[in-house]
Amino acid sequence: MIAALFLGLGLVLTIEGLVLALAPSRIEDVLELLRAMSPERRRYLGLVAIAAGVLLIWIAKAFLS
C-alpha cells in the first residue's frame, strides 16, 4: 500500500516537473484561464479529473496486473 502511494506521488511529481521544465511560460496562461473560470466550473473540472484518475487506476489494476 505504501509502495503504491509513493509510486503515485512520484509519477505526479514527475509529470508536474516535466510541465514546469518544458513549458514554464504556459503555466501562467493556464493559471489565467483558471482565474477566468467560475468556481463551479473549476469544481466540475476537478471532479472530472478525479473520475478520470480513478478510471485509469481501475483499468491498470484490472487489466494490467
N, C-alpha and C. Protein backbone atom coordinates (compact mmCIF):
# COMPACT_ATOMS: atom_id res chain seq x y z
N MET A 1 0.82 -1.19 0.00
CA MET A 1 0.00 0.00 0.00
C MET A 1 0.87 1.26 0.00
N ILE A 2 1.85 1.30 0.88
CA ILE A 2 2.75 2.46 0.95
C ILE A 2 3.54 2.58 -0.35
N ALA A 3 3.95 1.45 -0.91
CA ALA A 3 4.72 1.47 -2.16
C ALA A 3 3.89 2.07 -3.27
N ALA A 4 2.60 1.71 -3.33
CA ALA A 4 1.71 2.26 -4.36
C ALA A 4 1.53 3.76 -4.17
N LEU A 5 1.43 4.20 -2.94
CA LEU A 5 1.29 5.63 -2.65
C LEU A 5 2.53 6.39 -3.10
N PHE A 6 3.70 5.87 -2.77
CA PHE A 6 4.94 6.52 -3.21
C PHE A 6 5.07 6.51 -4.73
N LEU A 7 4.65 5.42 -5.37
CA LEU A 7 4.69 5.35 -6.83
C LEU A 7 3.78 6.41 -7.43
N GLY A 8 2.58 6.53 -6.91
CA GLY A 8 1.64 7.54 -7.41
C GLY A 8 2.16 8.95 -7.24
N LEU A 9 2.66 9.24 -6.05
CA LEU A 9 3.21 10.58 -5.80
C LEU A 9 4.42 10.86 -6.68
N GLY A 10 5.25 9.86 -6.87
CA GLY A 10 6.41 10.03 -7.74
C GLY A 10 6.00 10.31 -9.18
N LEU A 11 4.98 9.62 -9.65
CA LEU A 11 4.50 9.86 -11.03
C LEU A 11 3.92 11.27 -11.17
N VAL A 12 3.16 11.70 -10.18
CA VAL A 12 2.59 13.05 -10.22
C VAL A 12 3.70 14.10 -10.24
N LEU A 13 4.68 13.94 -9.36
CA LEU A 13 5.78 14.91 -9.31
C LEU A 13 6.59 14.91 -10.62
N THR A 14 6.75 13.75 -11.23
CA THR A 14 7.48 13.68 -12.50
C THR A 14 6.73 14.43 -13.59
N ILE A 15 5.43 14.20 -13.70
CA ILE A 15 4.64 14.89 -14.72
C ILE A 15 4.63 16.40 -14.47
N GLU A 16 4.41 16.79 -13.21
CA GLU A 16 4.41 18.22 -12.88
C GLU A 16 5.77 18.84 -13.19
N GLY A 17 6.84 18.14 -12.86
CA GLY A 17 8.18 18.65 -13.13
C GLY A 17 8.43 18.80 -14.62
N LEU A 18 7.95 17.84 -15.41
CA LEU A 18 8.11 17.95 -16.87
C LEU A 18 7.39 19.17 -17.42
N VAL A 19 6.19 19.41 -16.93
CA VAL A 19 5.43 20.58 -17.39
C VAL A 19 6.19 21.86 -17.06
N LEU A 20 6.67 21.96 -15.84
CA LEU A 20 7.40 23.17 -15.43
C LEU A 20 8.72 23.32 -16.18
N ALA A 21 9.39 22.22 -16.46
CA ALA A 21 10.69 22.28 -17.14
C ALA A 21 10.55 22.56 -18.63
N LEU A 22 9.53 21.99 -19.26
CA LEU A 22 9.41 22.10 -20.72
C LEU A 22 8.57 23.28 -21.19
N ALA A 23 7.65 23.75 -20.36
CA ALA A 23 6.78 24.85 -20.80
C ALA A 23 6.46 25.79 -19.64
N PRO A 24 7.47 26.44 -19.07
CA PRO A 24 7.20 27.29 -17.90
C PRO A 24 6.31 28.49 -18.21
N SER A 25 6.39 29.03 -19.40
CA SER A 25 5.56 30.20 -19.72
C SER A 25 4.09 29.82 -19.91
N ARG A 26 3.83 28.58 -20.27
CA ARG A 26 2.44 28.13 -20.45
C ARG A 26 1.71 28.02 -19.11
N ILE A 27 2.44 27.85 -18.02
CA ILE A 27 1.82 27.76 -16.69
C ILE A 27 1.05 29.04 -16.40
N GLU A 28 1.62 30.18 -16.73
CA GLU A 28 0.94 31.44 -16.50
C GLU A 28 -0.34 31.54 -17.32
N ASP A 29 -0.31 31.04 -18.57
CA ASP A 29 -1.51 31.04 -19.41
C ASP A 29 -2.60 30.16 -18.80
N VAL A 30 -2.20 29.00 -18.31
CA VAL A 30 -3.17 28.07 -17.71
C VAL A 30 -3.77 28.69 -16.44
N LEU A 31 -2.93 29.32 -15.63
CA LEU A 31 -3.44 29.97 -14.42
C LEU A 31 -4.41 31.09 -14.77
N GLU A 32 -4.13 31.81 -15.83
CA GLU A 32 -5.03 32.88 -16.27
C GLU A 32 -6.37 32.30 -16.71
N LEU A 33 -6.34 31.17 -17.42
CA LEU A 33 -7.58 30.50 -17.82
C LEU A 33 -8.37 30.04 -16.60
N LEU A 34 -7.68 29.52 -15.61
CA LEU A 34 -8.36 29.08 -14.39
C LEU A 34 -8.98 30.26 -13.64
N ARG A 35 -8.28 31.39 -13.62
CA ARG A 35 -8.84 32.58 -12.96
C ARG A 35 -10.10 33.06 -13.65
N ALA A 36 -10.17 32.89 -14.97
CA ALA A 36 -11.32 33.35 -15.74
C ALA A 36 -12.54 32.43 -15.55
N MET A 37 -12.32 31.20 -15.10
CA MET A 37 -13.43 30.26 -14.91
C MET A 37 -14.16 30.56 -13.61
N SER A 38 -15.44 30.23 -13.62
CA SER A 38 -16.22 30.36 -12.39
C SER A 38 -15.82 29.24 -11.42
N PRO A 39 -16.03 29.46 -10.13
CA PRO A 39 -15.70 28.41 -9.16
C PRO A 39 -16.45 27.10 -9.44
N GLU A 40 -17.69 27.18 -9.90
CA GLU A 40 -18.44 25.96 -10.21
C GLU A 40 -17.79 25.19 -11.35
N ARG A 41 -17.33 25.91 -12.35
CA ARG A 41 -16.68 25.25 -13.49
C ARG A 41 -15.35 24.61 -13.07
N ARG A 42 -14.59 25.30 -12.22
CA ARG A 42 -13.34 24.72 -11.71
C ARG A 42 -13.61 23.48 -10.89
N ARG A 43 -14.68 23.51 -10.08
CA ARG A 43 -15.05 22.34 -9.29
C ARG A 43 -15.41 21.17 -10.20
N TYR A 44 -16.19 21.45 -11.25
CA TYR A 44 -16.56 20.41 -12.21
C TYR A 44 -15.31 19.84 -12.89
N LEU A 45 -14.39 20.70 -13.28
CA LEU A 45 -13.14 20.26 -13.90
C LEU A 45 -12.35 19.36 -12.95
N GLY A 46 -12.31 19.73 -11.68
CA GLY A 46 -11.62 18.91 -10.68
C GLY A 46 -12.29 17.55 -10.51
N LEU A 47 -13.62 17.52 -10.49
CA LEU A 47 -14.34 16.25 -10.36
C LEU A 47 -14.12 15.35 -11.57
N VAL A 48 -14.07 15.95 -12.75
CA VAL A 48 -13.80 15.17 -13.97
C VAL A 48 -12.38 14.60 -13.90
N ALA A 49 -11.43 15.39 -13.43
CA ALA A 49 -10.05 14.91 -13.31
C ALA A 49 -9.96 13.76 -12.30
N ILE A 50 -10.69 13.87 -11.20
CA ILE A 50 -10.70 12.79 -10.21
C ILE A 50 -11.29 11.52 -10.81
N ALA A 51 -12.41 11.67 -11.51
CA ALA A 51 -13.05 10.50 -12.13
C ALA A 51 -12.13 9.85 -13.15
N ALA A 52 -11.45 10.65 -13.95
CA ALA A 52 -10.53 10.11 -14.96
C ALA A 52 -9.37 9.39 -14.27
N GLY A 53 -8.85 9.94 -13.19
CA GLY A 53 -7.77 9.30 -12.46
C GLY A 53 -8.19 7.98 -11.85
N VAL A 54 -9.38 7.95 -11.25
CA VAL A 54 -9.89 6.71 -10.67
C VAL A 54 -10.10 5.66 -11.75
N LEU A 55 -10.62 6.08 -12.90
CA LEU A 55 -10.83 5.15 -14.01
C LEU A 55 -9.50 4.57 -14.50
N LEU A 56 -8.49 5.41 -14.64
CA LEU A 56 -7.18 4.92 -15.06
C LEU A 56 -6.58 3.94 -14.04
N ILE A 57 -6.74 4.24 -12.77
CA ILE A 57 -6.25 3.33 -11.73
C ILE A 57 -6.98 2.00 -11.81
N TRP A 58 -8.30 2.05 -11.98
CA TRP A 58 -9.09 0.83 -12.07
C TRP A 58 -8.66 -0.01 -13.29
N ILE A 59 -8.48 0.65 -14.43
CA ILE A 59 -8.03 -0.06 -15.64
C ILE A 59 -6.67 -0.71 -15.41
N ALA A 60 -5.75 0.03 -14.82
CA ALA A 60 -4.42 -0.50 -14.56
C ALA A 60 -4.48 -1.71 -13.63
N LYS A 61 -5.29 -1.62 -12.58
CA LYS A 61 -5.40 -2.72 -11.63
C LYS A 61 -6.09 -3.93 -12.24
N ALA A 62 -7.17 -3.68 -13.01
CA ALA A 62 -7.99 -4.77 -13.53
C ALA A 62 -7.38 -5.48 -14.72
N PHE A 63 -6.75 -4.74 -15.60
CA PHE A 63 -6.32 -5.33 -16.86
C PHE A 63 -4.82 -5.45 -17.02
N LEU A 64 -4.06 -4.69 -16.27
CA LEU A 64 -2.62 -4.67 -16.49
C LEU A 64 -1.80 -5.35 -15.39
N SER A 65 -2.49 -5.87 -14.35
CA SER A 65 -1.70 -6.53 -13.32
C SER A 65 -1.89 -8.02 -13.32
